[in-house]
Every structure is written in structure tokens, then in C-alpha cells.
């Protein structure tokens, strides 16, 4: 990888994966690779196998937020269940972000660490001590009381690892 003219260029990687969430996926949505083979169509973890966990994504599981491998959907249009989509494993990407804090403001400022939110299938600005950080906000986001697209530096635990814990 070559460095940008000034500073560095964050590592970037994406792949094709089959949507096994049971619903359509939207651009920027947080997904999890099915390495536990929970979907009936996923039967192994053989790399390169269309039926393997590395090639299939499911909705994020709350119990896996601290150790699963995650991605962000890149497709501009909705991707139906059992159809192939493009998923970002790491890099600068537009992702759904959400502020579920009880504070009076729901703004997310650039630099904010973001964890996973299984319920919203988005990145969340509420990251408790010990929670895994999956991304960092790269722009200020006004009113993220519901998930909105914003630029983030994402590291979902696959290629490039993650940012560690808060």
C-alpha cells in the first residue's frame, strides 16, 4: 500500500458476501460474518466456500459484539435476503451511526469512538468501558437520534483488526 501525499491512507478492504439476515440490507448497515454457522444455508468456515461463514453475513448478534467479525454494507441499493452484496471489512466508509445516549443532544462529533448496536444494526456512540470500538467518527453528525449515514474509519475485526476496547 502506498501512502497518501500527506499523512497515511487507512487500510481498506471489502468483499462479496451473501445476505442471510432474513431482510433487505441498506447502505451503511452493520452486519456480522456468520462464523458460528447460525444460518441454515451456512455449513462451514472454509475460506472461499459460498456456504462458508466468511462468505455470508447475518444481523449483528448482541452476544458477539465484543469478538465477532463485522462489516458495513457498501451497496447503494437495497440488497434482498439471499442475494450477494459488497461489504467493507475496514477502511473509510459511509456507515449508519446512532446516538442512543440519554443526553439532551444526539449529535456525534468527529473523533467519537463507535461500537456496535445489534438492535439498530448501526454503529453507536454509546461505548461503555470495556466495550469493543469498531469505528471512529470522521465528521460531525447532527441529530443521530435515529441511524444516519456518516463518514467513519471502520475496522470490523477481520482484516486490520479492531480499535480495541474503550
N, C-alpha and C. Protein backbone atom coordinates (compact mmCIF):
# COMPACT_ATOMS: atom_id res chain seq x y z
N UNK A 1 0.85 -1.17 0.00
CA UNK A 1 0.00 0.00 0.00
C UNK A 1 0.89 1.23 0.00
N UNK A 2 0.54 2.19 -0.81
CA UNK A 2 1.31 3.43 -0.90
C UNK A 2 0.67 4.49 0.00
N UNK A 3 1.49 5.29 0.63
CA UNK A 3 0.98 6.36 1.47
C UNK A 3 0.38 7.47 0.62
N UNK A 4 -0.58 8.16 1.20
CA UNK A 4 -1.16 9.34 0.56
C UNK A 4 -0.07 10.42 0.49
N UNK A 5 -0.27 11.48 -0.33
CA UNK A 5 0.75 12.54 -0.43
C UNK A 5 1.15 13.13 0.92
N UNK A 6 0.20 13.25 1.82
CA UNK A 6 0.48 13.74 3.16
C UNK A 6 -0.17 12.81 4.16
N UNK A 7 0.53 12.43 5.18
CA UNK A 7 -0.04 11.53 6.18
C UNK A 7 -0.09 10.10 5.68
N UNK A 8 -1.11 9.36 6.11
CA UNK A 8 -1.22 7.97 5.70
C UNK A 8 -2.63 7.69 5.19
N UNK A 9 -2.75 6.62 4.46
CA UNK A 9 -4.05 6.19 3.95
C UNK A 9 -4.48 4.97 4.74
N UNK A 10 -5.62 5.02 5.44
CA UNK A 10 -6.06 3.85 6.21
C UNK A 10 -6.26 2.64 5.30
N UNK A 11 -5.88 1.48 5.82
CA UNK A 11 -6.07 0.24 5.09
C UNK A 11 -7.55 0.09 4.73
N UNK A 12 -7.81 -0.46 3.55
CA UNK A 12 -9.18 -0.61 3.07
C UNK A 12 -9.34 -2.00 2.47
N UNK A 13 -10.45 -2.65 2.79
CA UNK A 13 -10.70 -3.97 2.24
C UNK A 13 -12.22 -4.20 2.19
N UNK A 14 -12.67 -4.79 1.08
CA UNK A 14 -14.08 -5.18 1.01
C UNK A 14 -14.17 -6.52 0.29
N UNK A 15 -15.34 -7.15 0.39
CA UNK A 15 -15.54 -8.46 -0.23
C UNK A 15 -17.01 -8.61 -0.63
N UNK A 16 -17.28 -9.68 -1.33
CA UNK A 16 -18.66 -10.03 -1.64
C UNK A 16 -19.13 -11.04 -0.60
N UNK A 17 -20.37 -10.91 -0.15
CA UNK A 17 -20.94 -11.85 0.82
C UNK A 17 -22.44 -11.96 0.55
N UNK A 18 -23.01 -13.08 0.93
CA UNK A 18 -24.44 -13.30 0.74
C UNK A 18 -25.20 -12.85 1.98
N UNK A 19 -26.25 -12.09 1.75
CA UNK A 19 -27.12 -11.60 2.82
C UNK A 19 -27.95 -12.76 3.36
N UNK A 20 -27.75 -13.10 4.63
CA UNK A 20 -28.53 -14.15 5.31
C UNK A 20 -29.29 -13.59 6.51
N UNK A 21 -29.64 -12.29 6.45
CA UNK A 21 -30.30 -11.65 7.59
C UNK A 21 -31.80 -11.94 7.65
N UNK A 22 -32.39 -12.37 6.55
CA UNK A 22 -33.84 -12.58 6.51
C UNK A 22 -34.58 -11.32 6.08
N UNK A 23 -33.85 -10.27 5.76
CA UNK A 23 -34.47 -9.00 5.35
C UNK A 23 -33.52 -8.30 4.37
N UNK A 24 -34.00 -7.24 3.74
CA UNK A 24 -33.16 -6.46 2.84
C UNK A 24 -32.13 -5.67 3.64
N UNK A 25 -30.94 -5.51 3.07
CA UNK A 25 -29.88 -4.72 3.69
C UNK A 25 -29.82 -3.35 3.02
N UNK A 26 -29.50 -2.34 3.83
CA UNK A 26 -29.38 -0.97 3.33
C UNK A 26 -27.92 -0.54 3.34
N UNK A 27 -27.60 0.44 2.52
CA UNK A 27 -26.26 1.01 2.51
C UNK A 27 -25.89 1.50 3.91
N UNK A 28 -24.68 1.16 4.34
CA UNK A 28 -24.18 1.62 5.63
C UNK A 28 -24.54 0.75 6.81
N UNK A 29 -25.33 -0.29 6.58
CA UNK A 29 -25.81 -1.15 7.67
C UNK A 29 -24.67 -2.01 8.21
N UNK A 30 -24.65 -2.21 9.53
CA UNK A 30 -23.69 -3.07 10.20
C UNK A 30 -24.16 -4.52 10.07
N UNK A 31 -23.26 -5.40 9.62
CA UNK A 31 -23.56 -6.83 9.51
C UNK A 31 -22.45 -7.63 10.17
N UNK A 32 -22.70 -8.89 10.43
CA UNK A 32 -21.74 -9.77 11.07
C UNK A 32 -21.51 -10.99 10.19
N UNK A 33 -20.25 -11.39 10.03
CA UNK A 33 -19.96 -12.62 9.29
C UNK A 33 -20.37 -13.82 10.14
N UNK A 34 -21.03 -14.79 9.50
CA UNK A 34 -21.65 -15.92 10.21
C UNK A 34 -20.64 -17.04 10.47
N UNK A 35 -19.63 -16.75 11.26
CA UNK A 35 -18.61 -17.74 11.58
C UNK A 35 -19.11 -18.80 12.56
N UNK A 36 -20.26 -18.55 13.20
CA UNK A 36 -20.86 -19.56 14.09
C UNK A 36 -21.81 -20.47 13.30
N UNK A 37 -21.97 -20.20 12.00
CA UNK A 37 -22.83 -21.01 11.13
C UNK A 37 -24.25 -21.09 11.67
N UNK A 38 -24.82 -19.95 12.06
CA UNK A 38 -26.17 -19.93 12.63
C UNK A 38 -27.26 -20.01 11.58
N UNK A 39 -26.99 -19.54 10.36
CA UNK A 39 -27.98 -19.60 9.30
C UNK A 39 -27.97 -21.02 8.70
N UNK A 40 -29.15 -21.52 8.35
CA UNK A 40 -29.26 -22.87 7.80
C UNK A 40 -28.53 -23.08 6.50
N UNK A 41 -28.24 -22.02 5.76
CA UNK A 41 -27.51 -22.13 4.49
C UNK A 41 -26.00 -22.06 4.66
N UNK A 42 -25.54 -21.83 5.90
CA UNK A 42 -24.11 -21.72 6.17
C UNK A 42 -23.68 -22.98 6.91
N UNK A 43 -22.74 -23.71 6.31
CA UNK A 43 -22.43 -25.04 6.86
C UNK A 43 -20.98 -25.26 7.28
N UNK A 44 -20.10 -24.26 7.06
CA UNK A 44 -18.70 -24.47 7.38
C UNK A 44 -17.98 -23.13 7.45
N UNK A 45 -16.70 -23.17 7.72
CA UNK A 45 -15.88 -21.95 7.71
C UNK A 45 -14.70 -22.10 6.76
N UNK A 46 -14.94 -22.82 5.66
CA UNK A 46 -13.92 -22.98 4.64
C UNK A 46 -13.79 -21.68 3.85
N UNK A 47 -12.59 -21.14 3.80
CA UNK A 47 -12.36 -19.89 3.07
C UNK A 47 -12.63 -20.12 1.59
N UNK A 48 -13.41 -19.24 0.99
CA UNK A 48 -13.72 -19.32 -0.42
C UNK A 48 -14.96 -20.13 -0.74
N UNK A 49 -15.54 -20.82 0.23
CA UNK A 49 -16.74 -21.63 0.01
C UNK A 49 -17.97 -20.73 0.12
N UNK A 50 -18.84 -20.78 -0.88
CA UNK A 50 -20.06 -19.95 -0.88
C UNK A 50 -20.96 -20.26 0.30
N UNK A 51 -20.84 -21.45 0.89
CA UNK A 51 -21.65 -21.83 2.05
C UNK A 51 -20.91 -21.60 3.37
N UNK A 52 -19.75 -20.96 3.31
CA UNK A 52 -18.94 -20.74 4.50
C UNK A 52 -19.25 -19.43 5.22
N UNK A 53 -18.89 -19.39 6.48
CA UNK A 53 -19.13 -18.20 7.30
C UNK A 53 -18.41 -16.96 6.83
N UNK A 54 -17.29 -17.13 6.11
CA UNK A 54 -16.56 -15.97 5.59
C UNK A 54 -17.25 -15.34 4.39
N UNK A 55 -18.26 -16.02 3.83
CA UNK A 55 -18.94 -15.55 2.62
C UNK A 55 -20.41 -15.21 2.86
N UNK A 56 -20.84 -15.21 4.13
CA UNK A 56 -22.24 -14.97 4.45
C UNK A 56 -22.35 -14.04 5.65
N UNK A 57 -23.29 -13.08 5.59
CA UNK A 57 -23.48 -12.14 6.68
C UNK A 57 -24.88 -12.26 7.26
N UNK A 58 -24.95 -12.04 8.57
CA UNK A 58 -26.20 -12.07 9.32
C UNK A 58 -26.35 -10.76 10.08
N UNK A 59 -27.48 -10.56 10.72
CA UNK A 59 -27.65 -9.40 11.59
C UNK A 59 -26.70 -9.52 12.77
N UNK A 60 -26.16 -8.41 13.26
CA UNK A 60 -25.24 -8.48 14.40
C UNK A 60 -25.91 -9.12 15.61
N UNK A 61 -25.18 -9.98 16.27
CA UNK A 61 -25.67 -10.65 17.47
C UNK A 61 -25.11 -9.92 18.69
N UNK A 62 -25.99 -9.52 19.61
CA UNK A 62 -25.55 -8.75 20.78
C UNK A 62 -24.44 -9.46 21.55
N UNK A 63 -24.53 -10.77 21.66
CA UNK A 63 -23.54 -11.53 22.42
C UNK A 63 -22.18 -11.54 21.74
N UNK A 64 -22.12 -11.21 20.45
CA UNK A 64 -20.88 -11.27 19.69
C UNK A 64 -20.21 -9.91 19.48
N UNK A 65 -20.79 -8.84 19.99
CA UNK A 65 -20.26 -7.50 19.71
C UNK A 65 -18.82 -7.32 20.18
N UNK A 66 -18.39 -8.09 21.17
CA UNK A 66 -17.03 -7.95 21.67
C UNK A 66 -16.02 -8.83 20.95
N UNK A 67 -16.48 -9.77 20.10
CA UNK A 67 -15.50 -10.66 19.47
C UNK A 67 -15.84 -11.08 18.04
N UNK A 68 -16.99 -10.74 17.51
CA UNK A 68 -17.36 -11.13 16.15
C UNK A 68 -16.59 -10.37 15.09
N UNK A 69 -16.77 -10.78 13.83
CA UNK A 69 -16.17 -10.08 12.70
C UNK A 69 -17.31 -9.38 11.96
N UNK A 70 -17.18 -8.07 11.79
CA UNK A 70 -18.26 -7.25 11.28
C UNK A 70 -17.90 -6.55 9.98
N UNK A 71 -18.92 -6.07 9.29
CA UNK A 71 -18.72 -5.32 8.06
C UNK A 71 -19.79 -4.26 7.91
N UNK A 72 -19.59 -3.40 6.93
CA UNK A 72 -20.55 -2.35 6.59
C UNK A 72 -20.98 -2.57 5.14
N UNK A 73 -22.29 -2.58 4.89
CA UNK A 73 -22.81 -2.79 3.54
C UNK A 73 -22.48 -1.59 2.67
N UNK A 74 -21.92 -1.85 1.49
CA UNK A 74 -21.50 -0.79 0.58
C UNK A 74 -22.50 -0.51 -0.54
N UNK A 75 -23.37 -1.45 -0.85
CA UNK A 75 -24.28 -1.30 -1.99
C UNK A 75 -25.17 -0.07 -1.85
N UNK A 76 -25.33 0.67 -2.95
CA UNK A 76 -26.19 1.87 -2.97
C UNK A 76 -27.66 1.51 -2.83
N UNK A 77 -28.06 0.39 -3.43
CA UNK A 77 -29.47 -0.03 -3.41
C UNK A 77 -29.66 -1.17 -2.42
N UNK A 78 -30.89 -1.35 -1.97
CA UNK A 78 -31.21 -2.42 -1.03
C UNK A 78 -30.81 -3.77 -1.60
N UNK A 79 -30.31 -4.65 -0.74
CA UNK A 79 -29.90 -5.99 -1.15
C UNK A 79 -30.84 -6.99 -0.47
N UNK A 80 -31.60 -7.72 -1.27
CA UNK A 80 -32.59 -8.67 -0.74
C UNK A 80 -31.90 -9.83 -0.03
N UNK A 81 -32.65 -10.50 0.84
CA UNK A 81 -32.16 -11.68 1.52
C UNK A 81 -31.73 -12.73 0.49
N UNK A 82 -30.66 -13.44 0.79
CA UNK A 82 -30.09 -14.49 -0.07
C UNK A 82 -29.47 -13.97 -1.36
N UNK A 83 -29.22 -12.66 -1.43
CA UNK A 83 -28.54 -12.06 -2.58
C UNK A 83 -27.15 -11.59 -2.14
N UNK A 84 -26.25 -11.48 -3.10
CA UNK A 84 -24.87 -11.09 -2.82
C UNK A 84 -24.77 -9.56 -2.71
N UNK A 85 -23.98 -9.12 -1.73
CA UNK A 85 -23.74 -7.69 -1.54
C UNK A 85 -22.24 -7.46 -1.37
N UNK A 86 -21.83 -6.20 -1.39
CA UNK A 86 -20.44 -5.82 -1.10
C UNK A 86 -20.37 -5.34 0.33
N UNK A 87 -19.36 -5.80 1.05
CA UNK A 87 -19.22 -5.49 2.46
C UNK A 87 -17.81 -4.97 2.73
N UNK A 88 -17.73 -3.83 3.40
CA UNK A 88 -16.45 -3.24 3.82
C UNK A 88 -16.00 -3.92 5.11
N UNK A 89 -14.77 -4.44 5.12
CA UNK A 89 -14.19 -5.04 6.32
C UNK A 89 -13.40 -4.01 7.13
N UNK A 90 -12.79 -3.07 6.42
CA UNK A 90 -12.07 -1.99 7.08
C UNK A 90 -11.85 -0.87 6.09
N UNK A 91 -11.75 0.34 6.60
CA UNK A 91 -11.50 1.49 5.76
C UNK A 91 -12.40 2.66 6.09
N UNK A 92 -12.26 3.73 5.32
CA UNK A 92 -13.12 4.90 5.47
C UNK A 92 -14.37 4.64 4.64
N UNK A 93 -15.53 4.73 5.28
CA UNK A 93 -16.77 4.30 4.65
C UNK A 93 -17.95 5.11 5.21
N UNK A 94 -19.02 5.20 4.43
CA UNK A 94 -20.27 5.77 4.92
C UNK A 94 -21.02 4.67 5.67
N UNK A 95 -21.28 4.88 6.95
CA UNK A 95 -21.94 3.87 7.77
C UNK A 95 -23.10 4.51 8.53
N UNK A 96 -24.06 3.69 8.88
CA UNK A 96 -25.15 4.16 9.74
C UNK A 96 -24.61 4.34 11.15
N UNK A 97 -24.79 5.55 11.70
CA UNK A 97 -24.37 5.85 13.07
C UNK A 97 -25.59 6.28 13.87
N UNK A 98 -25.53 6.03 15.18
CA UNK A 98 -26.68 6.30 16.04
C UNK A 98 -26.18 6.71 17.41
N UNK A 99 -26.85 7.67 18.02
CA UNK A 99 -26.55 8.06 19.39
C UNK A 99 -27.71 7.62 20.26
N UNK A 100 -27.52 6.58 21.04
CA UNK A 100 -28.59 6.07 21.91
C UNK A 100 -28.44 6.57 23.34
N UNK A 101 -27.61 7.58 23.54
CA UNK A 101 -27.44 8.11 24.89
C UNK A 101 -28.71 8.82 25.33
N UNK A 102 -28.83 8.99 26.62
CA UNK A 102 -30.00 9.68 27.18
C UNK A 102 -29.76 11.18 27.30
N UNK A 103 -28.69 11.68 26.69
CA UNK A 103 -28.38 13.11 26.80
C UNK A 103 -29.34 13.94 25.97
N UNK A 104 -29.34 15.24 26.22
CA UNK A 104 -30.27 16.13 25.53
C UNK A 104 -29.86 16.34 24.07
N UNK A 105 -28.60 16.10 23.75
CA UNK A 105 -28.15 16.23 22.37
C UNK A 105 -27.86 14.85 21.80
N UNK A 106 -28.18 14.66 20.56
CA UNK A 106 -27.89 13.38 19.90
C UNK A 106 -26.88 13.58 18.78
N UNK A 107 -26.05 14.61 18.93
CA UNK A 107 -25.00 14.88 17.95
C UNK A 107 -23.81 13.95 18.21
N UNK A 108 -23.15 13.56 17.16
CA UNK A 108 -21.91 12.78 17.27
C UNK A 108 -20.80 13.66 16.69
N UNK A 109 -19.75 13.91 17.47
CA UNK A 109 -18.66 14.75 16.99
C UNK A 109 -17.53 13.89 16.42
N UNK A 110 -16.82 14.44 15.45
CA UNK A 110 -15.73 13.68 14.86
C UNK A 110 -14.73 13.29 15.93
N UNK A 111 -14.20 12.08 15.77
CA UNK A 111 -13.28 11.53 16.76
C UNK A 111 -13.96 10.62 17.77
N UNK A 112 -15.29 10.63 17.81
CA UNK A 112 -16.03 9.79 18.76
C UNK A 112 -15.82 8.32 18.44
N UNK A 113 -15.46 7.50 19.45
CA UNK A 113 -15.37 6.06 19.21
C UNK A 113 -16.79 5.49 19.06
N UNK A 114 -16.94 4.51 18.16
CA UNK A 114 -18.24 3.92 17.88
C UNK A 114 -18.19 2.41 18.07
N UNK A 115 -19.15 1.89 18.80
CA UNK A 115 -19.27 0.45 18.98
C UNK A 115 -20.43 -0.07 18.15
N UNK A 116 -20.75 -1.32 18.33
CA UNK A 116 -21.85 -1.93 17.58
C UNK A 116 -23.15 -1.85 18.34
N UNK A 117 -24.25 -1.75 17.60
CA UNK A 117 -25.59 -1.77 18.17
C UNK A 117 -26.37 -2.84 17.40
N UNK A 118 -26.60 -4.00 18.04
CA UNK A 118 -27.25 -5.11 17.37
C UNK A 118 -28.71 -4.80 17.06
N UNK A 119 -29.38 -4.06 17.91
CA UNK A 119 -30.79 -3.75 17.70
C UNK A 119 -30.99 -2.87 16.48
N UNK A 120 -30.17 -1.84 16.34
CA UNK A 120 -30.31 -0.89 15.24
C UNK A 120 -29.51 -1.30 14.00
N UNK A 121 -28.63 -2.30 14.12
CA UNK A 121 -27.74 -2.70 13.03
C UNK A 121 -26.96 -1.49 12.51
N UNK A 122 -26.43 -0.73 13.48
CA UNK A 122 -25.70 0.50 13.19
C UNK A 122 -24.53 0.62 14.17
N UNK A 123 -23.66 1.59 13.93
CA UNK A 123 -22.60 1.92 14.86
C UNK A 123 -23.15 2.90 15.88
N UNK A 124 -22.79 2.73 17.14
CA UNK A 124 -23.40 3.50 18.23
C UNK A 124 -22.34 4.30 18.97
N UNK A 125 -22.67 5.56 19.30
CA UNK A 125 -21.73 6.41 20.03
C UNK A 125 -21.67 6.06 21.51
N UNK A 126 -22.58 5.22 21.99
CA UNK A 126 -22.54 4.80 23.39
C UNK A 126 -21.62 3.57 23.47
N UNK A 127 -20.41 3.79 23.97
CA UNK A 127 -19.42 2.73 24.11
C UNK A 127 -18.98 2.73 25.57
N UNK A 128 -19.39 1.73 26.31
CA UNK A 128 -19.06 1.65 27.72
C UNK A 128 -17.63 1.15 27.91
N UNK A 129 -17.10 1.35 29.12
CA UNK A 129 -15.76 0.86 29.43
C UNK A 129 -15.70 -0.64 29.16
N UNK A 130 -14.69 -1.06 28.43
CA UNK A 130 -14.52 -2.47 28.11
C UNK A 130 -15.19 -2.90 26.82
N UNK A 131 -16.10 -2.07 26.27
CA UNK A 131 -16.75 -2.41 25.00
C UNK A 131 -15.77 -2.25 23.85
N UNK A 132 -15.95 -3.05 22.83
CA UNK A 132 -15.09 -3.01 21.65
C UNK A 132 -15.44 -1.83 20.76
N UNK A 133 -14.44 -1.12 20.32
CA UNK A 133 -14.62 0.02 19.41
C UNK A 133 -14.42 -0.49 17.99
N UNK A 134 -15.45 -0.34 17.14
CA UNK A 134 -15.41 -0.80 15.76
C UNK A 134 -15.06 0.31 14.77
N UNK A 135 -15.27 1.56 15.17
CA UNK A 135 -15.06 2.67 14.23
C UNK A 135 -14.81 3.96 14.99
N UNK A 136 -14.39 4.96 14.22
CA UNK A 136 -14.21 6.29 14.76
C UNK A 136 -14.90 7.26 13.80
N UNK A 137 -15.72 8.16 14.36
CA UNK A 137 -16.43 9.15 13.54
C UNK A 137 -15.42 10.09 12.90
N UNK A 138 -15.59 10.35 11.59
CA UNK A 138 -14.69 11.25 10.87
C UNK A 138 -15.34 12.59 10.53
N UNK A 139 -16.60 12.75 10.91
CA UNK A 139 -17.30 14.01 10.67
C UNK A 139 -18.30 14.23 11.79
N UNK A 140 -18.67 15.49 12.00
CA UNK A 140 -19.72 15.80 12.96
C UNK A 140 -21.07 15.40 12.35
N UNK A 141 -21.90 14.78 13.16
CA UNK A 141 -23.23 14.35 12.72
C UNK A 141 -24.26 14.99 13.63
N UNK A 142 -25.13 15.81 13.06
CA UNK A 142 -26.15 16.49 13.83
C UNK A 142 -27.40 15.62 13.87
N UNK A 143 -27.94 15.42 15.05
CA UNK A 143 -29.15 14.66 15.32
C UNK A 143 -29.09 13.23 14.78
N UNK A 144 -28.35 12.41 15.50
CA UNK A 144 -28.27 10.99 15.19
C UNK A 144 -29.19 10.21 16.12
N UNK A 145 -30.35 10.79 16.43
CA UNK A 145 -31.31 10.12 17.31
C UNK A 145 -31.90 8.88 16.64
N UNK A 146 -31.85 8.84 15.33
CA UNK A 146 -32.14 7.64 14.57
C UNK A 146 -30.91 7.41 13.68
N UNK A 147 -30.66 6.18 13.22
CA UNK A 147 -29.45 5.94 12.42
C UNK A 147 -29.40 6.81 11.16
N UNK A 148 -28.23 7.45 10.95
CA UNK A 148 -27.99 8.28 9.76
C UNK A 148 -26.63 7.91 9.18
N UNK A 149 -26.45 8.11 7.87
CA UNK A 149 -25.17 7.85 7.22
C UNK A 149 -24.15 8.93 7.57
N UNK A 150 -22.94 8.49 7.91
CA UNK A 150 -21.85 9.42 8.20
C UNK A 150 -20.52 8.75 7.87
N UNK A 151 -19.52 9.54 7.64
CA UNK A 151 -18.19 9.03 7.34
C UNK A 151 -17.51 8.54 8.61
N UNK A 152 -17.01 7.29 8.56
CA UNK A 152 -16.30 6.71 9.70
C UNK A 152 -15.06 5.98 9.21
N UNK A 153 -14.11 5.79 10.11
CA UNK A 153 -12.99 4.89 9.86
C UNK A 153 -13.35 3.60 10.56
N UNK A 154 -13.65 2.58 9.77
CA UNK A 154 -14.19 1.32 10.27
C UNK A 154 -13.13 0.23 10.29
N UNK A 155 -13.10 -0.53 11.38
CA UNK A 155 -12.24 -1.72 11.49
C UNK A 155 -13.05 -2.78 12.20
N UNK A 156 -13.67 -3.66 11.42
CA UNK A 156 -14.65 -4.60 11.95
C UNK A 156 -14.13 -5.88 12.54
N UNK A 157 -12.83 -5.99 12.76
CA UNK A 157 -12.30 -7.16 13.43
C UNK A 157 -11.75 -8.22 12.50
N UNK A 158 -12.00 -8.08 11.20
CA UNK A 158 -11.40 -9.01 10.25
C UNK A 158 -10.06 -8.46 9.85
N UNK A 159 -9.91 -8.13 8.59
CA UNK A 159 -8.67 -7.55 8.10
C UNK A 159 -8.41 -6.23 8.81
N UNK A 160 -7.24 -6.06 9.35
CA UNK A 160 -6.91 -4.82 10.03
C UNK A 160 -7.27 -4.80 11.51
N UNK A 161 -7.86 -5.88 12.01
CA UNK A 161 -8.21 -5.93 13.43
C UNK A 161 -9.28 -4.93 13.81
N UNK A 162 -9.30 -4.53 15.05
CA UNK A 162 -10.25 -3.51 15.50
C UNK A 162 -9.48 -2.45 16.27
N UNK A 163 -10.18 -1.46 16.78
CA UNK A 163 -9.53 -0.40 17.54
C UNK A 163 -9.28 -0.80 18.99
N UNK A 164 -9.70 -2.00 19.38
CA UNK A 164 -9.56 -2.45 20.76
C UNK A 164 -10.81 -2.11 21.55
N UNK A 165 -10.65 -1.90 22.86
CA UNK A 165 -11.80 -1.59 23.70
C UNK A 165 -11.70 -0.18 24.23
N UNK A 166 -12.83 0.33 24.70
CA UNK A 166 -12.90 1.68 25.23
C UNK A 166 -12.31 1.70 26.63
